[in-house]
Every structure is written in C-alpha cells, then in structure tokens.
Amino acid sequence: MRTPRPLAHAISVAIVALGMAGCGSGADSPTSPTPIAPPAANAPIRYTAVGASDANGVGATVVCAPFTACDNGTGYVPVLARQLRSSHDVTLVNLGIPGAVLSPAIQAIAKASGRDVVGNFIDQEMPFIPTNTTLATVFGGGNDANALADAILRGAAGGDVKGYITTHVAAFGLDYDRLIRGIRSRAADAFIIVINLPNLAALPYASGGTIQQRQTLQQIAVGMSREANRQAGTGVVVVDLMCDAQVYDASRFSSDGFHPNDAGYAYLAQRVQALVNGASSSPPSTCGQMAVVPAL
C-alpha cells in the first residue's frame, strides 16, 4: 500500500521565515479547562484554521495556495467561512501547510522515512495564530499516521509494532496538549474545534494494502483519534469523524482516495458549522468503525 505523499509546493522558504519569526510563542502555558462559548449570533468572527492539505482543499476543484484566504476555494475552510458570512462578518486566516504533521517529533520520523514534510503545526502554525482569533479549527493526524505507517514498513518498530504505535500515539497526545495550550496562550477567547481522524484503514486509499498494513493504520488512527477526543476535557469541542458512517462514503473522496473531494469538504464544513451554531458534541468512546479490520 502506498500512503499519500505531500504535494510539492514552493513554500519551504516561507515556512523557515515563519519559524524564525515565531520563536518564544509561550506554548507551555496552562490549558483552560473552561469551555469557551461559540461566537454570539451576528458577532464578528476572526477564524483561524490550523491544518495540513485539508485546510488548503487538496482534492477539491478549487485548491487554495498556502497562507491565503482564497474566498472561492472548495475545501472545508473557505466553504465554512462563506457559510458563516451569511450571519457574521468573517475574517479568515488559513495557516494550513500541505503535508504538515502535528509535531516536530513526527516530522523527524517522516523525514527519516523519505517523506517531504516541510512543517508542523506546533512550530510553523501555532505561533502565528492572531491574538484576536474567536474561532479556531484544528484538523491533523492523517499525515502523522501515514508517516508512522511508513516508518513501520521500513522496520522502525523492530519486532514490536504494537508497542511502537502505543509509544508514538501517546507522544502525539502530549503534543496535541501542547498545541491546544499554545492556541490558548495566543488567543484566550477562541472557540476551538478539534476534528478527529476517521479510521484510515477504511478509506479508499488503504483498500489495496495488506491486512497487516491496514491493521497498522487502524491502530494508529484509532489511537490518534482518541487523543483528539481527549481534548474535549480541556474546553474544546470535537467533530467526530471516526464514528460517523457518512464520512466513509467513497463518493466523498478525491481520486487519491485520501483527500476529500468537494462533496466531502462540504460535508465537513457542515459538521463544523453546526458546532459554531451551538450544537453539542460528544464523541463515542467506541464504535464499529474503530474495528473495520481485525486488531493487531
């Protein structure tokens, strides 16, 4: 099974410049356990998106260049911004970097496996969240999971694949904590929405993999999704993709079988908008979608 590689973008210089400018971001400040309310009806929204190629709409018919508002994009970020503009004055800052992973640790693993990863959320995105942000979305883990799966395929886990996954998923969770603390330290009043991972083993791109490869993807994705769900205890809300059967509809994926297409991004924007509008969210702790293949 070939896991998707990040698209080649001429953005390395810009990311290096961002990284230099963002030193001393205060990422280790405490996370607030108090839930922040969604933006009030008709209140201005200062929306910041943290993500990877999904934030840019890769797989959609109109893909946005990194670090642009791209009002006509058909990825979930610009679609959500347009939807919210029906009742709010919306300013969008899209920090998405194609191919990005959540942390420097997984970025190093990805590079060692030959993946062209030019950024991570903690170093290249979080430090640049505007302090007046009132809405922030975070969607990560897909590239991280694929990087770990590649590393395992190359022998990084030795004879203990389950132990390797458990260790790195736990580290991913700690880095997620660090990311949310960093967002809070920069934008204390932001309503933060975290989007968890679907079971990657059930997506079209994984269908040609061996049972062992799909087992690996499943354990990683379910573990990372649970770490995202855990952020609900820190005052954020979670969009649950893992246990949403509609997410796995093959008609909502682009030709690479990994990225959503216009229909998939529209559905994701709809799910996020519901939370902005005050809907409740409580991701289940278990569901059938967590076990589409036998466990390792």
C-alpha atoms as a PDB file:
ATOM      1  CA  MET A   1       0.000   0.000   0.000  1.00  0.00           C
ATOM      2  CA  ARG A   2       1.378   3.413  -0.946  1.00  0.00           C
ATOM      3  CA  THR A   3       0.461   6.124   1.512  1.00  0.00           C
ATOM      4  CA  PRO A   4      -0.113   9.603   0.052  1.00  0.00           C
ATOM      5  CA  ARG A   5       2.886  11.875  -0.204  1.00  0.00           C
ATOM      6  CA  PRO A   6       2.639  15.627   0.374  1.00  0.00           C
ATOM      7  CA  LEU A   7       2.358  17.722  -2.764  1.00  0.00           C
ATOM      8  CA  ALA A   8       5.472  19.620  -3.753  1.00  0.00           C
ATOM      9  CA  HIS A   9       4.956  23.300  -3.011  1.00  0.00           C
ATOM     10  CA  ALA A  10       7.484  26.124  -3.210  1.00  0.00           C
ATOM     11  CA  ILE A  11       6.843  27.156   0.379  1.00  0.00           C
ATOM     12  CA  SER A  12       9.930  25.976   2.259  1.00  0.00           C
ATOM     13  CA  VAL A  13      11.484  29.442   2.419  1.00  0.00           C
ATOM     14  CA  ALA A  14       8.269  30.968   3.710  1.00  0.00           C
ATOM     15  CA  ILE A  15       7.979  28.298   6.392  1.00  0.00           C
ATOM     16  CA  VAL A  16      11.565  28.802   7.534  1.00  0.00           C
ATOM     17  CA  ALA A  17      10.869  32.536   7.799  1.00  0.00           C
ATOM     18  CA  LEU A  18       7.729  31.880   9.799  1.00  0.00           C
ATOM     19  CA  GLY A  19       9.586  29.557  12.123  1.00  0.00           C
ATOM     20  CA  MET A  20      12.244  32.183  12.813  1.00  0.00           C
ATOM     21  CA  ALA A  21       9.637  34.857  13.432  1.00  0.00           C
ATOM     22  CA  GLY A  22       7.605  32.717  15.793  1.00  0.00           C
ATOM     23  CA  CYS A  23      10.170  31.835  18.440  1.00  0.00           C
ATOM     24  CA  GLY A  24       9.050  32.261  22.034  1.00  0.00           C
ATOM     25  CA  SER A  25       5.354  31.555  21.464  1.00  0.00           C
ATOM     26  CA  GLY A  26       4.544  30.541  25.038  1.00  0.00           C
ATOM     27  CA  ALA A  27       3.291  27.084  24.065  1.00  0.00           C
ATOM     28  CA  ASP A  28       3.722  25.704  27.577  1.00  0.00           C
ATOM     29  CA  SER A  29       1.167  27.940  29.279  1.00  0.00           C
ATOM     30  CA  PRO A  30      -1.738  26.144  31.017  1.00  0.00           C
ATOM     31  CA  THR A  31      -4.713  24.918  29.051  1.00  0.00           C
ATOM     32  CA  SER A  32      -8.021  26.327  30.237  1.00  0.00           C
ATOM     33  CA  PRO A  33     -10.495  23.592  31.295  1.00  0.00           C
ATOM     34  CA  THR A  34     -13.373  26.068  30.995  1.00  0.00           C
ATOM     35  CA  PRO A  35     -15.364  25.682  27.766  1.00  0.00           C
ATOM     36  CA  ILE A  36     -15.436  28.791  25.603  1.00  0.00           C
ATOM     37  CA  ALA A  37     -18.833  29.597  24.104  1.00  0.00           C
ATOM     38  CA  PRO A  38     -19.250  29.790  20.325  1.00  0.00           C
ATOM     39  CA  PRO A  39     -19.257  33.269  18.796  1.00  0.00           C
ATOM     40  CA  ALA A  40     -22.532  35.022  19.538  1.00  0.00           C
ATOM     41  CA  ALA A  41     -25.150  35.353  16.811  1.00  0.00           C
ATOM     42  CA  ASN A  42     -24.196  38.137  14.399  1.00  0.00           C
ATOM     43  CA  ALA A  43     -20.905  38.763  16.230  1.00  0.00           C
ATOM     44  CA  PRO A  44     -17.783  39.214  14.084  1.00  0.00           C
ATOM     45  CA  ILE A  45     -15.773  36.021  13.692  1.00  0.00           C
ATOM     46  CA  ARG A  46     -11.989  36.009  13.421  1.00  0.00           C
ATOM     47  CA  TYR A  47     -11.444  32.494  12.102  1.00  0.00           C
ATOM     48  CA  THR A  48      -8.030  30.778  12.099  1.00  0.00           C
ATOM     49  CA  ALA A  49      -7.551  27.333  10.559  1.00  0.00           C
ATOM     50  CA  VAL A  50      -4.702  25.066  11.680  1.00  0.00           C
ATOM     51  CA  GLY A  51      -4.155  22.096   9.413  1.00  0.00           C
ATOM     52  CA  ALA A  52      -2.412  20.440   6.506  1.00  0.00           C
ATOM     53  CA  SER A  53      -3.511  19.925   2.893  1.00  0.00           C
ATOM     54  CA  ASP A  54      -7.113  19.567   4.062  1.00  0.00           C
ATOM     55  CA  ALA A  55      -7.085  23.227   5.087  1.00  0.00           C
ATOM     56  CA  ASN A  56      -5.961  24.122   1.551  1.00  0.00           C
ATOM     57  CA  GLY A  57      -8.584  21.874  -0.022  1.00  0.00           C
ATOM     58  CA  VAL A  58      -6.293  19.427  -1.806  1.00  0.00           C
ATOM     59  CA  GLY A  59      -8.570  17.077  -3.699  1.00  0.00           C
ATOM     60  CA  ALA A  60     -11.198  19.766  -4.290  1.00  0.00           C
ATOM     61  CA  THR A  61     -11.859  21.505  -7.596  1.00  0.00           C
ATOM     62  CA  VAL A  62     -10.521  24.837  -6.275  1.00  0.00           C
ATOM     63  CA  VAL A  63      -7.386  24.328  -4.181  1.00  0.00           C
ATOM     64  CA  CYS A  64      -6.086  27.279  -2.148  1.00  0.00           C
ATOM     65  CA  ALA A  65      -2.447  28.342  -2.052  1.00  0.00           C
ATOM     66  CA  PRO A  66      -0.915  28.228   1.433  1.00  0.00           C
ATOM     67  CA  PHE A  67      -1.458  31.262   3.678  1.00  0.00           C
ATOM     68  CA  THR A  68      -4.219  32.800   1.537  1.00  0.00           C
ATOM     69  CA  ALA A  69      -7.895  33.426   2.333  1.00  0.00           C
ATOM     70  CA  CYS A  70      -8.909  32.071  -1.100  1.00  0.00           C
ATOM     71  CA  ASP A  71     -12.563  33.087  -0.925  1.00  0.00           C
ATOM     72  CA  ASN A  72     -13.598  30.851  -3.847  1.00  0.00           C
ATOM     73  CA  GLY A  73     -11.913  27.677  -2.548  1.00  0.00           C
ATOM     74  CA  THR A  74     -13.932  24.487  -2.266  1.00  0.00           C
ATOM     75  CA  GLY A  75     -12.052  22.971   0.669  1.00  0.00           C
ATOM     76  CA  TYR A  76     -13.810  22.936   4.028  1.00  0.00           C
ATOM     77  CA  VAL A  77     -12.069  26.065   5.389  1.00  0.00           C
ATOM     78  CA  PRO A  78     -13.193  28.553   2.696  1.00  0.00           C
ATOM     79  CA  VAL A  79     -16.581  26.817   2.415  1.00  0.00           C
ATOM     80  CA  LEU A  80     -17.103  27.223   6.168  1.00  0.00           C
ATOM     81  CA  ALA A  81     -16.029  30.867   6.011  1.00  0.00           C
ATOM     82  CA  ARG A  82     -18.547  31.548   3.231  1.00  0.00           C
ATOM     83  CA  GLN A  83     -21.307  29.808   5.156  1.00  0.00           C
ATOM     84  CA  LEU A  84     -20.589  31.820   8.297  1.00  0.00           C
ATOM     85  CA  ARG A  85     -20.640  35.072   6.330  1.00  0.00           C
ATOM     86  CA  SER A  86     -24.392  34.666   5.922  1.00  0.00           C
ATOM     87  CA  SER A  87     -24.758  35.862   9.518  1.00  0.00           C
ATOM     88  CA  HIS A  88     -21.318  37.110  10.603  1.00  0.00           C
ATOM     89  CA  ASP A  89     -18.547  39.417   9.499  1.00  0.00           C
ATOM     90  CA  VAL A  90     -15.783  36.821   8.990  1.00  0.00           C
ATOM     91  CA  THR A  91     -12.041  37.358   8.723  1.00  0.00           C
ATOM     92  CA  LEU A  92     -10.138  34.212   7.750  1.00  0.00           C
ATOM     93  CA  VAL A  93      -6.505  33.336   8.446  1.00  0.00           C
ATOM     94  CA  ASN A  94      -5.660  29.956   6.904  1.00  0.00           C
ATOM     95  CA  LEU A  95      -2.392  28.606   8.315  1.00  0.00           C
ATOM     96  CA  GLY A  96      -2.666  25.223   6.575  1.00  0.00           C
ATOM     97  CA  ILE A  97       0.578  23.793   5.178  1.00  0.00           C
ATOM     98  CA  PRO A  98       0.301  20.912   2.698  1.00  0.00           C
ATOM     99  CA  GLY A  99       1.960  17.811   4.099  1.00  0.00           C
ATOM    100  CA  ALA A 100       2.326  19.227   7.608  1.00  0.00           C
ATOM    101  CA  VAL A 101       2.270  16.990  10.662  1.00  0.00           C
ATOM    102  CA  LEU A 102       1.365  17.953  14.205  1.00  0.00           C
ATOM    103  CA  SER A 103       4.743  17.896  15.912  1.00  0.00           C
ATOM    104  CA  PRO A 104       8.492  18.207  15.320  1.00  0.00           C
ATOM    105  CA  ALA A 105       8.924  14.616  16.559  1.00  0.00           C
ATOM    106  CA  ILE A 106       6.729  13.091  13.862  1.00  0.00           C
ATOM    107  CA  GLN A 107       8.200  15.469  11.296  1.00  0.00           C
ATOM    108  CA  ALA A 108      11.622  13.952  12.055  1.00  0.00           C
ATOM    109  CA  ILE A 109      10.217  10.422  11.695  1.00  0.00           C
ATOM    110  CA  ALA A 110       8.584  11.385   8.400  1.00  0.00           C
ATOM    111  CA  LYS A 111      11.799  12.836   7.000  1.00  0.00           C
ATOM    112  CA  ALA A 112      13.728   9.745   8.023  1.00  0.00           C
ATOM    113  CA  SER A 113      11.225   7.707   6.001  1.00  0.00           C
ATOM    114  CA  GLY A 114      11.769   9.893   2.942  1.00  0.00           C
ATOM    115  CA  ARG A 115       8.573  11.942   3.204  1.00  0.00           C
ATOM    116  CA  ASP A 116       8.821  15.569   2.094  1.00  0.00           C
ATOM    117  CA  VAL A 117       7.375  17.228   5.195  1.00  0.00           C
ATOM    118  CA  VAL A 118       8.175  20.942   5.340  1.00  0.00           C
ATOM    119  CA  GLY A 119       6.340  21.949   8.505  1.00  0.00           C
ATOM    120  CA  ASN A 120       4.480  21.048  11.666  1.00  0.00           C
ATOM    121  CA  PHE A 121       1.583  22.664  13.499  1.00  0.00           C
ATOM    122  CA  ILE A 122       3.492  23.466  16.688  1.00  0.00           C
ATOM    123  CA  ASP A 123       6.464  25.254  15.143  1.00  0.00           C
ATOM    124  CA  GLN A 124       5.107  26.700  11.901  1.00  0.00           C
ATOM    125  CA  GLU A 125       1.403  27.339  12.570  1.00  0.00           C
ATOM    126  CA  MET A 126       0.504  27.771  16.233  1.00  0.00           C
ATOM    127  CA  PRO A 127       2.902  30.702  16.866  1.00  0.00           C
ATOM    128  CA  PHE A 128       1.138  32.729  14.151  1.00  0.00           C
ATOM    129  CA  ILE A 129      -2.435  32.446  15.374  1.00  0.00           C
ATOM    130  CA  PRO A 130      -3.740  36.022  15.645  1.00  0.00           C
ATOM    131  CA  THR A 131      -4.437  37.036  19.219  1.00  0.00           C
ATOM    132  CA  ASN A 132      -7.925  38.267  18.254  1.00  0.00           C
ATOM    133  CA  THR A 133      -8.983  34.829  16.969  1.00  0.00           C
ATOM    134  CA  THR A 134     -12.515  33.955  18.114  1.00  0.00           C
ATOM    135  CA  LEU A 135     -12.834  30.667  16.194  1.00  0.00           C
ATOM    136  CA  ALA A 136     -10.065  28.135  15.559  1.00  0.00           C
ATOM    137  CA  THR A 137     -10.242  24.745  13.875  1.00  0.00           C
ATOM    138  CA  VAL A 138      -7.583  22.057  14.174  1.00  0.00           C
ATOM    139  CA  PHE A 139      -7.519  19.033  11.859  1.00  0.00           C
ATOM    140  CA  GLY A 140      -4.420  16.886  11.995  1.00  0.00           C
ATOM    141  CA  GLY A 141      -3.151  13.351  12.248  1.00  0.00           C
ATOM    142  CA  GLY A 142      -3.575  11.961   8.746  1.00  0.00           C
ATOM    143  CA  ASN A 143      -0.051  12.740   7.625  1.00  0.00           C
ATOM    144  CA  ASP A 144       1.254  11.712  11.051  1.00  0.00           C
ATOM    145  CA  ALA A 145      -0.428   8.312  10.794  1.00  0.00           C
ATOM    146  CA  ASN A 146       0.908   7.741   7.284  1.00  0.00           C
ATOM    147  CA  ALA A 147       4.415   8.724   8.409  1.00  0.00           C
ATOM    148  CA  LEU A 148       4.335   6.247  11.284  1.00  0.00           C
ATOM    149  CA  ALA A 149       2.955   3.543   8.990  1.00  0.00           C
ATOM    150  CA  ASP A 150       5.799   4.188   6.530  1.00  0.00           C
ATOM    151  CA  ALA A 151       8.362   4.023   9.345  1.00  0.00           C
ATOM    152  CA  ILE A 152       6.945   0.680  10.492  1.00  0.00           C
ATOM    153  CA  LEU A 153       7.029  -0.645   6.936  1.00  0.00           C
ATOM    154  CA  ARG A 154      10.718   0.295   6.824  1.00  0.00           C
ATOM    155  CA  GLY A 155      11.435  -1.627  10.018  1.00  0.00           C
ATOM    156  CA  ALA A 156      11.490   1.171  12.605  1.00  0.00           C
ATOM    157  CA  ALA A 157       9.337  -0.817  15.040  1.00  0.00           C
ATOM    158  CA  GLY A 158      11.570  -3.867  15.018  1.00  0.00           C
ATOM    159  CA  GLY A 159       9.582  -6.807  16.361  1.00  0.00           C
ATOM    160  CA  ASP A 160       7.185  -4.748  18.480  1.00  0.00           C
ATOM    161  CA  VAL A 161       4.774  -2.948  16.164  1.00  0.00           C
ATOM    162  CA  LYS A 162       2.056  -2.586  18.805  1.00  0.00           C
ATOM    163  CA  GLY A 163       4.494  -1.148  21.329  1.00  0.00           C
ATOM    164  CA  TYR A 164       5.936   1.272  18.762  1.00  0.00           C
ATOM    165  CA  ILE A 165       2.465   2.522  17.883  1.00  0.00           C
ATOM    166  CA  THR A 166       1.432   2.846  21.530  1.00  0.00           C
ATOM    167  CA  THR A 167       4.531   4.894  22.335  1.00  0.00           C
ATOM    168  CA  HIS A 168       4.153   7.273  19.413  1.00  0.00           C
ATOM    169  CA  VAL A 169       0.407   7.696  19.801  1.00  0.00           C
ATOM    170  CA  ALA A 170       0.979   8.681  23.443  1.00  0.00           C
ATOM    171  CA  ALA A 171       3.601  11.199  22.311  1.00  0.00           C
ATOM    172  CA  PHE A 172       1.139  12.518  19.710  1.00  0.00           C
ATOM    173  CA  GLY A 173      -1.358  13.077  22.522  1.00  0.00           C
ATOM    174  CA  LEU A 174       1.136  15.058  24.582  1.00  0.00           C
ATOM    175  CA  ASP A 175       1.948  17.159  21.531  1.00  0.00           C
ATOM    176  CA  TYR A 176      -1.777  17.740  20.974  1.00  0.00           C
ATOM    177  CA  ASP A 177      -1.960  19.016  24.564  1.00  0.00           C
ATOM    178  CA  ARG A 178       0.944  21.339  23.806  1.00  0.00           C
ATOM    179  CA  LEU A 179      -0.730  22.620  20.648  1.00  0.00           C
ATOM    180  CA  ILE A 180      -4.001  23.431  22.404  1.00  0.00           C
ATOM    181  CA  ARG A 181      -2.127  25.143  25.248  1.00  0.00           C
ATOM    182  CA  GLY A 182      -0.295  27.206  22.660  1.00  0.00           C
ATOM    183  CA  ILE A 183      -3.510  28.237  20.922  1.00  0.00           C
ATOM    184  CA  ARG A 184      -4.989  29.229  24.288  1.00  0.00           C
ATOM    185  CA  SER A 185      -1.891  31.235  25.171  1.00  0.00           C
ATOM    186  CA  ARG A 186      -2.211  33.254  21.976  1.00  0.00           C
ATOM    187  CA  ALA A 187      -5.990  33.543  21.699  1.00  0.00           C
ATOM    188  CA  ALA A 188      -7.532  33.034  25.127  1.00  0.00           C
ATOM    189  CA  ASP A 189     -11.072  33.745  23.946  1.00  0.00           C
ATOM    190  CA  ALA A 190     -11.054  31.445  20.916  1.00  0.00           C
ATOM    191  CA  PHE A 191     -13.770  28.825  20.471  1.00  0.00           C
ATOM    192  CA  ILE A 192     -11.616  25.834  19.464  1.00  0.00           C
ATOM    193  CA  ILE A 193     -12.951  22.985  17.351  1.00  0.00           C
ATOM    194  CA  VAL A 194     -10.813  19.855  17.015  1.00  0.00           C
ATOM    195  CA  ILE A 195     -11.570  17.398  14.204  1.00  0.00           C
ATOM    196  CA  ASN A 196     -10.603  13.819  14.964  1.00  0.00           C
ATOM    197  CA  LEU A 197      -9.408  11.243  12.441  1.00  0.00           C
ATOM    198  CA  PRO A 198     -11.528   8.691  10.616  1.00  0.00           C
ATOM    199  CA  ASN A 199     -10.277   5.129  10.566  1.00  0.00           C
ATOM    200  CA  LEU A 200      -7.728   5.438   7.772  1.00  0.00           C
ATOM    201  CA  ALA A 201      -7.846   1.687   7.179  1.00  0.00           C
ATOM    202  CA  ALA A 202     -11.412   2.147   5.923  1.00  0.00           C
ATOM    203  CA  LEU A 203     -10.600   4.886   3.407  1.00  0.00           C
ATOM    204  CA  PRO A 204     -10.301   4.098  -0.307  1.00  0.00           C
ATOM    205  CA  TYR A 205      -6.528   4.678  -0.465  1.00  0.00           C
ATOM    206  CA  ALA A 206      -5.946   1.838   2.020  1.00  0.00           C
ATOM    207  CA  SER A 207      -8.081  -0.732   0.202  1.00  0.00           C
ATOM    208  CA  GLY A 208      -5.129  -2.218  -1.695  1.00  0.00           C
ATOM    209  CA  GLY A 209      -2.982  -2.707   1.394  1.00  0.00           C
ATOM    210  CA  THR A 210      -2.226  -5.990   3.087  1.00  0.00           C
ATOM    211  CA  ILE A 211      -4.173  -6.940   6.188  1.00  0.00           C
ATOM    212  CA  GLN A 212      -1.096  -6.129   8.293  1.00  0.00           C
ATOM    213  CA  GLN A 213      -0.769  -2.665   6.740  1.00  0.00           C
ATOM    214  CA  ARG A 214      -4.449  -1.925   7.329  1.00  0.00           C
ATOM    215  CA  GLN A 215      -4.209  -3.212  10.913  1.00  0.00           C
ATOM    216  CA  THR A 216      -1.309  -0.839  11.475  1.00  0.00           C
ATOM    217  CA  LEU A 217      -3.186   2.134  10.022  1.00  0.00           C
ATOM    218  CA  GLN A 218      -6.243   1.280  12.084  1.00  0.00           C
ATOM    219  CA  GLN A 219      -4.368   1.095  15.381  1.00  0.00           C
ATOM    220  CA  ILE A 220      -2.597   4.382  14.698  1.00  0.00           C
ATOM    221  CA  ALA A 221      -5.706   6.235  13.509  1.00  0.00           C
ATOM    222  CA  VAL A 222      -7.950   4.994  16.337  1.00  0.00           C
ATOM    223  CA  GLY A 223      -5.281   5.886  18.893  1.00  0.00           C
ATOM    224  CA  MET A 224      -4.745   9.367  17.471  1.00  0.00           C
ATOM    225  CA  SER A 225      -8.488   9.936  17.214  1.00  0.00           C
ATOM    226  CA  ARG A 226      -8.868   9.121  20.896  1.00  0.00           C
ATOM    227  CA  GLU A 227      -6.137  11.612  21.737  1.00  0.00           C
ATOM    228  CA  ALA A 228      -8.044  14.250  19.770  1.00  0.00           C
ATOM    229  CA  ASN A 229     -11.241  13.302  21.604  1.00  0.00           C
ATOM    230  CA  ARG A 230      -9.453  13.733  24.919  1.00  0.00           C
ATOM    231  CA  GLN A 231      -9.074  17.429  24.156  1.00  0.00           C
ATOM    232  CA  ALA A 232     -12.792  17.784  24.885  1.00  0.00           C
ATOM    233  CA  GLY A 233     -11.757  17.756  28.544  1.00  0.00           C
ATOM    234  CA  THR A 234      -9.720  20.909  28.027  1.00  0.00           C
ATOM    235  CA  GLY A 235     -12.574  23.162  26.950  1.00  0.00           C
ATOM    236  CA  VAL A 236     -12.605  22.464  23.195  1.00  0.00           C
ATOM    237  CA  VAL A 237     -15.313  20.738  21.159  1.00  0.00           C
ATOM    238  CA  VAL A 238     -14.680  17.781  18.870  1.00  0.00           C
ATOM    239  CA  VAL A 239     -16.062  16.947  15.443  1.00  0.00           C
ATOM    240  CA  ASP A 240     -16.211  13.161  15.402  1.00  0.00           C
ATOM    241  CA  LEU A 241     -15.224  11.669  12.047  1.00  0.00           C
ATOM    242  CA  MET A 242     -14.130   8.295  13.414  1.00  0.00           C
ATOM    243  CA  CYS A 243     -17.638   7.059  14.235  1.00  0.00           C
ATOM    244  CA  ASP A 244     -19.562   8.930  11.522  1.00  0.00           C
ATOM    245  CA  ALA A 245     -20.579   6.342   8.922  1.00  0.00           C
ATOM    246  CA  GLN A 246     -21.205   9.047   6.310  1.00  0.00           C
ATOM    247  CA  VAL A 247     -17.529  10.046   6.352  1.00  0.00           C
ATOM    248  CA  TYR A 248     -16.566   6.716   4.745  1.00  0.00           C
ATOM    249  CA  ASP A 249     -18.760   7.146   1.659  1.00  0.00           C
ATOM    250  CA  ALA A 250     -16.343   6.609  -1.240  1.00  0.00           C
ATOM    251  CA  SER A 251     -18.189   9.195  -3.332  1.00  0.00           C
ATOM    252  CA  ARG A 252     -16.873  11.891  -0.991  1.00  0.00           C
ATOM    253  CA  PHE A 253     -13.207  11.197  -1.754  1.00  0.00           C
ATOM    254  CA  SER A 254     -10.967  12.524  -4.498  1.00  0.00           C
ATOM    255  CA  SER A 255      -9.142  10.291  -6.932  1.00  0.00           C
ATOM    256  CA  ASP A 256      -6.275   9.694  -4.493  1.00  0.00           C
ATOM    257  CA  GLY A 257      -8.664   8.013  -2.054  1.00  0.00           C
ATOM    258  CA  PHE A 258      -7.235  10.004   0.853  1.00  0.00           C
ATOM    259  CA  HIS A 259      -8.297  13.622   0.442  1.00  0.00           C
ATOM    260  CA  PRO A 260     -11.977  14.581   0.321  1.00  0.00           C
ATOM    261  CA  ASN A 261     -13.494  15.971  -2.871  1.00  0.00           C
ATOM    262  CA  ASP A 262     -15.897  18.924  -3.000  1.00  0.00           C
ATOM    263  CA  ALA A 263     -18.718  16.831  -1.551  1.00  0.00           C
ATOM    264  CA  GLY A 264     -16.518  15.542   1.264  1.00  0.00           C
ATOM    265  CA  TYR A 265     -15.275  19.005   2.169  1.00  0.00           C
ATOM    266  CA  ALA A 266     -18.809  20.417   2.047  1.00  0.00           C
ATOM    267  CA  TYR A 267     -19.927  17.747   4.494  1.00  0.00           C
ATOM    268  CA  LEU A 268     -17.016  18.513   6.819  1.00  0.00           C
ATOM    269  CA  ALA A 269     -17.816  22.246   6.694  1.00  0.00           C
ATOM    270  CA  GLN A 270     -21.425  21.400   7.559  1.00  0.00           C
ATOM    271  CA  ARG A 271     -20.311  19.383  10.596  1.00  0.00           C
ATOM    272  CA  VAL A 272     -18.088  22.205  11.839  1.00  0.00           C
ATOM    273  CA  GLN A 273     -20.703  24.890  11.224  1.00  0.00           C
ATOM    274  CA  ALA A 274     -23.205  23.004  13.367  1.00  0.00           C
ATOM    275  CA  LEU A 275     -20.861  23.349  16.350  1.00  0.00           C
ATOM    276  CA  VAL A 276     -20.273  27.031  15.657  1.00  0.00           C
ATOM    277  CA  ASN A 277     -24.047  27.401  15.698  1.00  0.00           C
ATOM    278  CA  GLY A 278     -24.205  25.835  19.150  1.00  0.00           C
ATOM    279  CA  ALA A 279     -24.772  22.124  18.516  1.00  0.00           C
ATOM    280  CA  SER A 280     -23.447  19.758  21.175  1.00  0.00           C
ATOM    281  CA  SER A 281     -20.744  17.187  20.550  1.00  0.00           C
ATOM    282  CA  SER A 282     -19.816  14.047  22.467  1.00  0.00           C
ATOM    283  CA  PRO A 283     -17.643  11.599  20.504  1.00  0.00           C
ATOM    284  CA  PRO A 284     -18.379   7.980  21.433  1.00  0.00           C
ATOM    285  CA  SER A 285     -15.642   6.000  23.127  1.00  0.00           C
ATOM    286  CA  THR A 286     -16.199   3.033  20.830  1.00  0.00           C
ATOM    287  CA  CYS A 287     -17.993   2.223  17.585  1.00  0.00           C
ATOM    288  CA  GLY A 288     -17.938  -0.294  14.764  1.00  0.00           C
ATOM    289  CA  GLN A 289     -15.830   1.999  12.575  1.00  0.00           C
ATOM    290  CA  MET A 290     -12.911   1.542  15.008  1.00  0.00           C
ATOM    291  CA  ALA A 291     -12.628  -2.137  14.080  1.00  0.00           C
ATOM    292  CA  VAL A 292     -13.076  -2.488  10.320  1.00  0.00           C
ATOM    293  CA  VAL A 293     -10.178  -4.955  10.249  1.00  0.00           C
ATOM    294  CA  PRO A 294      -9.139  -7.468  12.958  1.00  0.00           C
ATOM    295  CA  ALA A 295      -6.934  -5.881  15.607  1.00  0.00           C
ATOM    296  CA  LEU A 296      -3.174  -6.382  15.592  1.00  0.00           C
END
